[in-house]
PDB file of N, CA and C in Angstrom:
ATOM      1  N   UNK A   1      -2.282 -10.252  -6.582  1.00  0.00           N
ATOM      2  CA  UNK A   1      -2.469  -8.821  -6.523  1.00  0.00           C
ATOM      3  C   UNK A   1      -3.827  -8.552  -5.883  1.00  0.00           C
ATOM      4  N   UNK A   2      -3.892  -7.472  -5.113  1.00  0.00           N
ATOM      5  CA  UNK A   2      -5.116  -7.087  -4.414  1.00  0.00           C
ATOM      6  C   UNK A   2      -5.567  -5.706  -4.873  1.00  0.00           C
ATOM      7  N   UNK A   3      -6.843  -5.413  -4.639  1.00  0.00           N
ATOM      8  CA  UNK A   3      -7.364  -4.080  -4.916  1.00  0.00           C
ATOM      9  C   UNK A   3      -7.989  -3.552  -3.640  1.00  0.00           C
ATOM     10  N   UNK A   4      -7.839  -2.244  -3.406  1.00  0.00           N
ATOM     11  CA  UNK A   4      -8.419  -1.648  -2.227  1.00  0.00           C
ATOM     12  C   UNK A   4      -8.604  -0.152  -2.393  1.00  0.00           C
ATOM     13  N   UNK A   5      -9.180   0.455  -1.359  1.00  0.00           N
ATOM     14  CA  UNK A   5      -9.424   1.895  -1.358  1.00  0.00           C
ATOM     15  C   UNK A   5      -8.653   2.512  -0.194  1.00  0.00           C
ATOM     16  N   UNK A   6      -7.876   3.557  -0.479  1.00  0.00           N
ATOM     17  CA  UNK A   6      -7.105   4.229   0.559  1.00  0.00           C
ATOM     18  C   UNK A   6      -8.075   4.989   1.467  1.00  0.00           C
ATOM     19  N   UNK A   7      -8.007   4.682   2.770  1.00  0.00           N
ATOM     20  CA  UNK A   7      -8.913   5.319   3.731  1.00  0.00           C
ATOM     21  C   UNK A   7      -8.175   6.189   4.740  1.00  0.00           C
ATOM     22  N   UNK A   8      -6.849   6.136   4.750  1.00  0.00           N
ATOM     23  CA  UNK A   8      -6.128   6.963   5.702  1.00  0.00           C
ATOM     24  C   UNK A   8      -4.631   6.895   5.530  1.00  0.00           C
ATOM     25  N   UNK A   9      -3.961   7.845   6.148  1.00  0.00           N
ATOM     26  CA  UNK A   9      -2.498   7.873   6.202  1.00  0.00           C
ATOM     27  C   UNK A   9      -2.057   7.419   7.583  1.00  0.00           C
ATOM     28  N   UNK A  10      -0.917   6.773   7.657  1.00  0.00           N
ATOM     29  CA  UNK A  10      -0.328   6.352   8.917  1.00  0.00           C
ATOM     30  C   UNK A  10       0.968   7.134   9.087  1.00  0.00           C
ATOM     31  N   UNK A  11       1.118   7.784  10.236  1.00  0.00           N
ATOM     32  CA  UNK A  11       2.340   8.534  10.514  1.00  0.00           C
ATOM     33  C   UNK A  11       3.156   7.757  11.538  1.00  0.00           C
ATOM     34  N   UNK A  12       4.427   7.540  11.234  1.00  0.00           N
ATOM     35  CA  UNK A  12       5.328   6.823  12.129  1.00  0.00           C
ATOM     36  C   UNK A  12       6.669   7.549  12.134  1.00  0.00           C
ATOM     37  N   UNK A  13       6.974   8.203  13.239  1.00  0.00           N
ATOM     38  CA  UNK A  13       8.238   8.934  13.305  1.00  0.00           C
ATOM     39  C   UNK A  13       9.411   8.025  13.651  1.00  0.00           C
ATOM     40  N   UNK A  14       9.166   6.966  14.416  1.00  0.00           N
ATOM     41  CA  UNK A  14      10.210   5.993  14.740  1.00  0.00           C
ATOM     42  C   UNK A  14       9.964   4.722  13.958  1.00  0.00           C
ATOM     43  N   UNK A  15      10.929   4.354  13.115  1.00  0.00           N
ATOM     44  CA  UNK A  15      10.793   3.154  12.296  1.00  0.00           C
ATOM     45  C   UNK A  15      12.174   2.671  11.858  1.00  0.00           C
ATOM     46  N   UNK A  16      12.226   1.460  11.294  1.00  0.00           N
ATOM     47  CA  UNK A  16      13.474   0.939  10.760  1.00  0.00           C
ATOM     48  C   UNK A  16      14.021   1.911   9.726  1.00  0.00           C
ATOM     49  N   UNK A  17      15.332   2.021   9.666  1.00  0.00           N
ATOM     50  CA  UNK A  17      15.971   2.912   8.692  1.00  0.00           C
ATOM     51  C   UNK A  17      15.562   2.579   7.261  1.00  0.00           C
ATOM     52  N   UNK A  18      15.360   1.291   6.974  1.00  0.00           N
ATOM     53  CA  UNK A  18      15.014   0.884   5.609  1.00  0.00           C
ATOM     54  C   UNK A  18      13.608   1.346   5.208  1.00  0.00           C
ATOM     55  N   UNK A  19      12.815   1.861   6.160  1.00  0.00           N
ATOM     56  CA  UNK A  19      11.467   2.343   5.856  1.00  0.00           C
ATOM     57  C   UNK A  19      11.389   3.870   5.777  1.00  0.00           C
ATOM     58  N   UNK A  20      12.498   4.548   6.013  1.00  0.00           N
ATOM     59  CA  UNK A  20      12.493   6.006   5.947  1.00  0.00           C
ATOM     60  C   UNK A  20      12.204   6.468   4.522  1.00  0.00           C
ATOM     61  N   UNK A  21      11.352   7.469   4.402  1.00  0.00           N
ATOM     62  CA  UNK A  21      10.996   7.998   3.089  1.00  0.00           C
ATOM     63  C   UNK A  21       9.777   7.344   2.472  1.00  0.00           C
ATOM     64  N   UNK A  22       9.256   6.293   3.097  1.00  0.00           N
ATOM     65  CA  UNK A  22       8.061   5.635   2.580  1.00  0.00           C
ATOM     66  C   UNK A  22       6.816   6.286   3.161  1.00  0.00           C
ATOM     67  N   UNK A  23       5.773   6.352   2.368  1.00  0.00           N
ATOM     68  CA  UNK A  23       4.464   6.808   2.828  1.00  0.00           C
ATOM     69  C   UNK A  23       3.684   5.557   3.243  1.00  0.00           C
ATOM     70  N   UNK A  24       3.038   5.590   4.406  1.00  0.00           N
ATOM     71  CA  UNK A  24       2.246   4.463   4.892  1.00  0.00           C
ATOM     72  C   UNK A  24       0.765   4.783   4.724  1.00  0.00           C
ATOM     73  N   UNK A  25       0.019   3.852   4.146  1.00  0.00           N
ATOM     74  CA  UNK A  25      -1.399   4.048   3.888  1.00  0.00           C
ATOM     75  C   UNK A  25      -2.232   2.941   4.518  1.00  0.00           C
ATOM     76  N   UNK A  26      -3.388   3.314   5.045  1.00  0.00           N
ATOM     77  CA  UNK A  26      -4.363   2.326   5.487  1.00  0.00           C
ATOM     78  C   UNK A  26      -5.309   2.096   4.309  1.00  0.00           C
ATOM     79  N   UNK A  27      -5.427   0.836   3.903  1.00  0.00           N
ATOM     80  CA  UNK A  27      -6.205   0.491   2.709  1.00  0.00           C
ATOM     81  C   UNK A  27      -7.301  -0.510   3.081  1.00  0.00           C
ATOM     82  N   UNK A  28      -8.532  -0.194   2.707  1.00  0.00           N
ATOM     83  CA  UNK A  28      -9.656  -1.109   2.892  1.00  0.00           C
ATOM     84  C   UNK A  28      -9.714  -1.995   1.651  1.00  0.00           C
ATOM     85  N   UNK A  29      -9.614  -3.295   1.857  1.00  0.00           N
ATOM     86  CA  UNK A  29      -9.555  -4.228   0.736  1.00  0.00           C
ATOM     87  C   UNK A  29     -10.912  -4.374   0.046  1.00  0.00           C
ATOM     88  N   UNK A  30     -10.855  -4.702  -1.244  1.00  0.00           N
ATOM     89  CA  UNK A  30     -12.054  -4.890  -2.060  1.00  0.00           C
ATOM     90  C   UNK A  30     -12.065  -6.291  -2.644  1.00  0.00           C
ATOM     91  N   UNK A  31     -13.262  -6.825  -2.844  1.00  0.00           N
ATOM     92  CA  UNK A  31     -13.459  -8.091  -3.543  1.00  0.00           C
ATOM     93  C   UNK A  31     -14.661  -7.939  -4.447  1.00  0.00           C
ATOM     94  N   UNK A  32     -14.541  -8.362  -5.685  1.00  0.00           N
ATOM     95  CA  UNK A  32     -15.643  -8.304  -6.657  1.00  0.00           C
ATOM     96  C   UNK A  32     -16.231  -6.894  -6.748  1.00  0.00           C
ATOM     97  N   UNK A  33     -15.378  -5.885  -6.637  1.00  0.00           N
ATOM     98  CA  UNK A  33     -15.811  -4.502  -6.766  1.00  0.00           C
ATOM     99  C   UNK A  33     -16.463  -3.893  -5.548  1.00  0.00           C
ATOM    100  N   UNK A  34     -16.506  -4.635  -4.437  1.00  0.00           N
ATOM    101  CA  UNK A  34     -17.151  -4.141  -3.214  1.00  0.00           C
ATOM    102  C   UNK A  34     -16.149  -4.103  -2.069  1.00  0.00           C
ATOM    103  N   UNK A  35     -16.266  -3.083  -1.219  1.00  0.00           N
ATOM    104  CA  UNK A  35     -15.404  -2.975  -0.050  1.00  0.00           C
ATOM    105  C   UNK A  35     -15.714  -4.095   0.931  1.00  0.00           C
ATOM    106  N   UNK A  36     -14.673  -4.621   1.568  1.00  0.00           N
ATOM    107  CA  UNK A  36     -14.827  -5.659   2.591  1.00  0.00           C
ATOM    108  C   UNK A  36     -14.606  -5.028   3.959  1.00  0.00           C
ATOM    109  N   UNK A  37     -14.640  -5.838   4.997  1.00  0.00           N
ATOM    110  CA  UNK A  37     -14.338  -5.333   6.343  1.00  0.00           C
ATOM    111  C   UNK A  37     -12.881  -5.612   6.720  1.00  0.00           C
ATOM    112  N   UNK A  38     -12.047  -5.873   5.715  1.00  0.00           N
ATOM    113  CA  UNK A  38     -10.625  -6.147   5.941  1.00  0.00           C
ATOM    114  C   UNK A  38      -9.784  -4.926   5.546  1.00  0.00           C
ATOM    115  N   UNK A  39      -8.756  -4.672   6.343  1.00  0.00           N
ATOM    116  CA  UNK A  39      -7.861  -3.541   6.103  1.00  0.00           C
ATOM    117  C   UNK A  39      -6.426  -4.031   6.096  1.00  0.00           C
ATOM    118  N   UNK A  40      -5.556  -3.269   5.440  1.00  0.00           N
ATOM    119  CA  UNK A  40      -4.129  -3.588   5.406  1.00  0.00           C
ATOM    120  C   UNK A  40      -3.355  -2.273   5.411  1.00  0.00           C
ATOM    121  N   UNK A  41      -2.162  -2.301   5.983  1.00  0.00           N
ATOM    122  CA  UNK A  41      -1.263  -1.150   5.923  1.00  0.00           C
ATOM    123  C   UNK A  41      -0.265  -1.437   4.805  1.00  0.00           C
ATOM    124  N   UNK A  42      -0.150  -0.504   3.871  1.00  0.00           N
ATOM    125  CA  UNK A  42       0.738  -0.680   2.727  1.00  0.00           C
ATOM    126  C   UNK A  42       1.670   0.514   2.610  1.00  0.00           C
ATOM    127  N   UNK A  43       2.864   0.277   2.075  1.00  0.00           N
ATOM    128  CA  UNK A  43       3.777   1.379   1.806  1.00  0.00           C
ATOM    129  C   UNK A  43       3.579   1.854   0.372  1.00  0.00           C
ATOM    130  N   UNK A  44       3.832   3.131   0.169  1.00  0.00           N
ATOM    131  CA  UNK A  44       3.734   3.749  -1.151  1.00  0.00           C
ATOM    132  C   UNK A  44       5.044   4.497  -1.363  1.00  0.00           C
ATOM    133  N   UNK A  45       5.899   3.925  -2.189  1.00  0.00           N
ATOM    134  CA  UNK A  45       7.222   4.529  -2.390  1.00  0.00           C
ATOM    135  C   UNK A  45       7.214   5.567  -3.502  1.00  0.00           C
ATOM    136  N   UNK A  46       6.485   5.301  -4.593  1.00  0.00           N
ATOM    137  CA  UNK A  46       6.574   6.198  -5.751  1.00  0.00           C
ATOM    138  C   UNK A  46       5.228   6.517  -6.405  1.00  0.00           C
ATOM    139  N   UNK A  47       4.154   5.884  -5.999  1.00  0.00           N
ATOM    140  CA  UNK A  47       2.873   6.033  -6.695  1.00  0.00           C
ATOM    141  C   UNK A  47       2.135   7.306  -6.285  1.00  0.00           C
ATOM    142  N   UNK A  48       2.289   7.741  -5.054  1.00  0.00           N
ATOM    143  CA  UNK A  48       1.639   8.952  -4.521  1.00  0.00           C
ATOM    144  C   UNK A  48       0.117   8.848  -4.507  1.00  0.00           C
ATOM    145  N   UNK A  49      -0.396   7.718  -4.046  1.00  0.00           N
ATOM    146  CA  UNK A  49      -1.843   7.533  -3.915  1.00  0.00           C
ATOM    147  C   UNK A  49      -2.362   8.371  -2.759  1.00  0.00           C
ATOM    148  N   UNK A  50      -3.613   8.794  -2.872  1.00  0.00           N
ATOM    149  CA  UNK A  50      -4.215   9.594  -1.826  1.00  0.00           C
ATOM    150  C   UNK A  50      -5.493   8.982  -1.302  1.00  0.00           C
ATOM    151  N   UNK A  51      -6.010   9.561  -0.233  1.00  0.00           N
ATOM    152  CA  UNK A  51      -7.245   9.080   0.382  1.00  0.00           C
ATOM    153  C   UNK A  51      -8.378   9.138  -0.643  1.00  0.00           C
ATOM    154  N   UNK A  52      -9.139   8.046  -0.690  1.00  0.00           N
ATOM    155  CA  UNK A  52     -10.270   7.938  -1.604  1.00  0.00           C
ATOM    156  C   UNK A  52      -9.951   7.259  -2.922  1.00  0.00           C
ATOM    157  N   UNK A  53      -8.683   7.063  -3.220  1.00  0.00           N
ATOM    158  CA  UNK A  53      -8.321   6.421  -4.486  1.00  0.00           C
ATOM    159  C   UNK A  53      -8.305   4.905  -4.350  1.00  0.00           C
ATOM    160  N   UNK A  54      -8.717   4.240  -5.419  1.00  0.00           N
ATOM    161  CA  UNK A  54      -8.610   2.782  -5.486  1.00  0.00           C
ATOM    162  C   UNK A  54      -7.212   2.443  -5.983  1.00  0.00           C
ATOM    163  N   UNK A  55      -6.577   1.483  -5.309  1.00  0.00           N
ATOM    164  CA  UNK A  55      -5.191   1.150  -5.621  1.00  0.00           C
ATOM    165  C   UNK A  55      -5.010  -0.351  -5.832  1.00  0.00           C
ATOM    166  N   UNK A  56      -3.936  -0.687  -6.513  1.00  0.00           N
ATOM    167  CA  UNK A  56      -3.506  -2.069  -6.678  1.00  0.00           C
ATOM    168  C   UNK A  56      -2.355  -2.307  -5.710  1.00  0.00           C
ATOM    169  N   UNK A  57      -2.372  -3.473  -5.067  1.00  0.00           N
ATOM    170  CA  UNK A  57      -1.373  -3.820  -4.055  1.00  0.00           C
ATOM    171  C   UNK A  57      -0.742  -5.160  -4.378  1.00  0.00           C
ATOM    172  N   UNK A  58       0.523  -5.289  -4.008  1.00  0.00           N
ATOM    173  CA  UNK A  58       1.168  -6.599  -4.005  1.00  0.00           C
ATOM    174  C   UNK A  58       1.607  -6.881  -2.575  1.00  0.00           C
ATOM    175  N   UNK A  59       1.689  -8.169  -2.244  1.00  0.00           N
ATOM    176  CA  UNK A  59       2.052  -8.563  -0.884  1.00  0.00           C
ATOM    177  C   UNK A  59       3.208  -9.561  -0.916  1.00  0.00           C
ATOM    178  N   UNK A  60       3.740  -9.834   0.266  1.00  0.00           N
ATOM    179  CA  UNK A  60       4.805 -10.823   0.396  1.00  0.00           C
ATOM    180  C   UNK A  60       6.092 -10.394  -0.274  1.00  0.00           C
ATOM    181  N   UNK A  61       6.802 -11.333  -0.874  1.00  0.00           N
ATOM    182  CA  UNK A  61       8.089 -11.022  -1.495  1.00  0.00           C
ATOM    183  C   UNK A  61       7.933 -10.036  -2.647  1.00  0.00           C
ATOM    184  N   UNK A  62       6.787 -10.041  -3.317  1.00  0.00           N
ATOM    185  CA  UNK A  62       6.543  -9.070  -4.390  1.00  0.00           C
ATOM    186  C   UNK A  62       6.537  -7.646  -3.850  1.00  0.00           C
ATOM    187  N   UNK A  63       6.082  -7.462  -2.621  1.00  0.00           N
ATOM    188  CA  UNK A  63       6.065  -6.132  -2.004  1.00  0.00           C
ATOM    189  C   UNK A  63       7.491  -5.627  -1.783  1.00  0.00           C
ATOM    190  N   UNK A  64       8.377  -6.512  -1.378  1.00  0.00           N
ATOM    191  CA  UNK A  64       9.774  -6.103  -1.172  1.00  0.00           C
ATOM    192  C   UNK A  64      10.459  -5.816  -2.503  1.00  0.00           C
ATOM    193  N   UNK A  65      10.155  -6.595  -3.519  1.00  0.00           N
ATOM    194  CA  UNK A  65      10.706  -6.332  -4.855  1.00  0.00           C
ATOM    195  C   UNK A  65      10.231  -4.969  -5.345  1.00  0.00           C
ATOM    196  N   UNK A  66       8.957  -4.660  -5.113  1.00  0.00           N
ATOM    197  CA  UNK A  66       8.386  -3.396  -5.585  1.00  0.00           C
ATOM    198  C   UNK A  66       9.053  -2.180  -4.945  1.00  0.00           C
ATOM    199  N   UNK A  67       9.507  -2.296  -3.702  1.00  0.00           N
ATOM    200  CA  UNK A  67      10.195  -1.165  -3.071  1.00  0.00           C
ATOM    201  C   UNK A  67      11.691  -1.175  -3.349  1.00  0.00           C
ATOM    202  N   UNK A  68      12.187  -2.244  -3.966  1.00  0.00           N
ATOM    203  CA  UNK A  68      13.594  -2.307  -4.353  1.00  0.00           C
ATOM    204  C   UNK A  68      14.551  -2.669  -3.232  1.00  0.00           C
ATOM    205  N   UNK A  69      14.026  -3.292  -2.168  1.00  0.00           N
ATOM    206  CA  UNK A  69      14.877  -3.671  -1.038  1.00  0.00           C
ATOM    207  C   UNK A  69      14.376  -4.988  -0.463  1.00  0.00           C
ATOM    208  N   UNK A  70      15.079  -6.071  -0.754  1.00  0.00           N
ATOM    209  CA  UNK A  70      14.673  -7.403  -0.301  1.00  0.00           C
ATOM    210  C   UNK A  70      14.735  -7.556   1.210  1.00  0.00           C
ATOM    211  N   UNK A  71      15.437  -6.668   1.900  1.00  0.00           N
ATOM    212  CA  UNK A  71      15.557  -6.778   3.354  1.00  0.00           C
ATOM    213  C   UNK A  71      14.573  -5.872   4.094  1.00  0.00           C
ATOM    214  N   UNK A  72      13.834  -5.037   3.389  1.00  0.00           N
ATOM    215  CA  UNK A  72      12.880  -4.124   4.044  1.00  0.00           C
ATOM    216  C   UNK A  72      11.728  -4.923   4.648  1.00  0.00           C
ATOM    217  N   UNK A  73      11.313  -4.594   5.870  1.00  0.00           N
ATOM    218  CA  UNK A  73      10.203  -5.304   6.509  1.00  0.00           C
ATOM    219  C   UNK A  73       8.850  -4.801   5.989  1.00  0.00           C
ATOM    220  N   UNK A  74       8.560  -5.137   4.735  1.00  0.00           N
ATOM    221  CA  UNK A  74       7.350  -4.662   4.056  1.00  0.00           C
ATOM    222  C   UNK A  74       6.486  -5.854   3.681  1.00  0.00           C
ATOM    223  N   UNK A  75       5.195  -5.806   4.038  1.00  0.00           N
ATOM    224  CA  UNK A  75       4.258  -6.876   3.696  1.00  0.00           C
ATOM    225  C   UNK A  75       3.349  -6.523   2.534  1.00  0.00           C
ATOM    226  N   UNK A  76       3.127  -5.221   2.288  1.00  0.00           N
ATOM    227  CA  UNK A  76       2.229  -4.798   1.208  1.00  0.00           C
ATOM    228  C   UNK A  76       2.726  -3.481   0.627  1.00  0.00           C
ATOM    229  N   UNK A  77       2.665  -3.364  -0.705  1.00  0.00           N
ATOM    230  CA  UNK A  77       3.124  -2.172  -1.407  1.00  0.00           C
ATOM    231  C   UNK A  77       2.104  -1.764  -2.453  1.00  0.00           C
ATOM    232  N   UNK A  78       1.829  -0.459  -2.532  1.00  0.00           N
ATOM    233  CA  UNK A  78       0.969   0.084  -3.578  1.00  0.00           C
ATOM    234  C   UNK A  78       1.779   0.115  -4.876  1.00  0.00           C
ATOM    235  N   UNK A  79       1.225  -0.480  -5.937  1.00  0.00           N
ATOM    236  CA  UNK A  79       1.930  -0.517  -7.222  1.00  0.00           C
ATOM    237  C   UNK A  79       1.160   0.191  -8.332  1.00  0.00           C
ATOM    238  N   UNK A  80      -0.044   0.667  -8.043  1.00  0.00           N
ATOM    239  CA  UNK A  80      -0.790   1.386  -9.069  1.00  0.00           C
ATOM    240  C   UNK A  80      -2.066   2.003  -8.518  1.00  0.00           C
ATOM    241  N   UNK A  81      -2.551   3.010  -9.256  1.00  0.00           N
ATOM    242  CA  UNK A  81      -3.836   3.640  -8.960  1.00  0.00           C
ATOM    243  C   UNK A  81      -4.798   3.216 -10.056  1.00  0.00           C
ATOM    244  N   UNK A  82      -5.995   2.780  -9.667  1.00  0.00           N
ATOM    245  CA  UNK A  82      -6.989   2.317 -10.624  1.00  0.00           C
ATOM    246  C   UNK A  82      -7.635   3.536 -11.309  1.00  0.00           C
ATOM    247  N   UNK A  83      -7.595   3.561 -12.645  1.00  0.00           N
ATOM    248  CA  UNK A  83      -8.224   4.639 -13.423  1.00  0.00           C
ATOM    249  C   UNK A  83      -9.682   4.325 -13.645  1.00  0.00           C
ATOM    250  N   UNK A  84     -10.506   5.326 -13.572  1.00  0.00           N
ATOM    251  CA  UNK A  84     -11.932   5.195 -13.881  1.00  0.00           C
ATOM    252  C   UNK A  84     -12.227   6.023 -15.108  1.00  0.00           C
ATOM    253  N   UNK A  85     -12.891   5.436 -16.078  1.00  0.00           N
ATOM    254  CA  UNK A  85     -13.229   6.157 -17.324  1.00  0.00           C
ATOM    255  C   UNK A  85     -14.488   6.972 -17.156  1.00  0.00           C
TER     256      UNK A  85
END
């Protein structure tokens, strides 16, 4: 599992049918509580994360399980928003 900060939205009007209805987010990855210079594009099917929020991500086959479609061409999925007390 990875942690990152949402820095932008990605708009794609032409895409595979299996990706329709997904929100695409640009996420800056974090390590040890600090932002890195690495970014990833992740889908958000149900979490509704927004710009500026810290999120939890899964990658690989876990990302496809999280969206509920083993055939979807998904490499990373947002699975949670990090709460701050």
